[in-house]
Amino acid sequence: MIFYTDVMTEIRYTPIGLIHSPYKEPPGTPIQAAVSPDSEGTVELFPEYAEGLRDIEGFSHIYLIYHFHKSHQVKLLVKPFLQDIEHGIFATRSPGRPNPIGISIVRLINRNESILHIQGVDILDETPVLDIKPYSSIFDCFPDARNGWQEGIDKETLEKRGRRGYQGTTETGCKS
């Protein structure tokens, strides 16, 4: 049995690259990748990690795991963009987390050496990348998944609240 006092209290990660996007500040940045499918950007991996991209071109989508570098306030109760009701931070994707780690699934357009061209960007420019993982519909699509408090959110609400002014089309859902 592991007790809290036995767990390390500090964990450090080193960025492996930077995400580049047209979004310099949170206002105007799409809230989720699903509402910004046409938004383009790049992931610039630092040269020492470029070899780790071998065979990534075979995947249409990738997970980007990153550090919310402009999030400085931790809140355990937040009002997410889809509702005006408070929920616990761990039941949302809000950036004001105890460990400011973000995750997005983006479309991989192509790779040019250590640069990944991506689409569906909902991330601020110069966001540090912590890891990249391939999205696999074999493992990552759960048709019977429940969406908790988001179950009652209709497409119109998602479109209206998720864009922060972004203009484009929305395609959501898990396709197998």
Foldseek 3Di string as FASTA:
>chain_A
DDDPVNDDPDDDFDFQWWKAFPAADLQQFFQALQLFQAGKTKTAGDQVCLVVCPPVQVFFKKKWKFAQVPADAADQWDADLLGPDIDGPVLDQDQRHPGRIHIHIWTFPDDDRRMTMTGSDRDHGGIGTRDMGGDDLVPHADPPDDSPPCVPRDPVSCNVRRRSPDDDDGDDDRDD
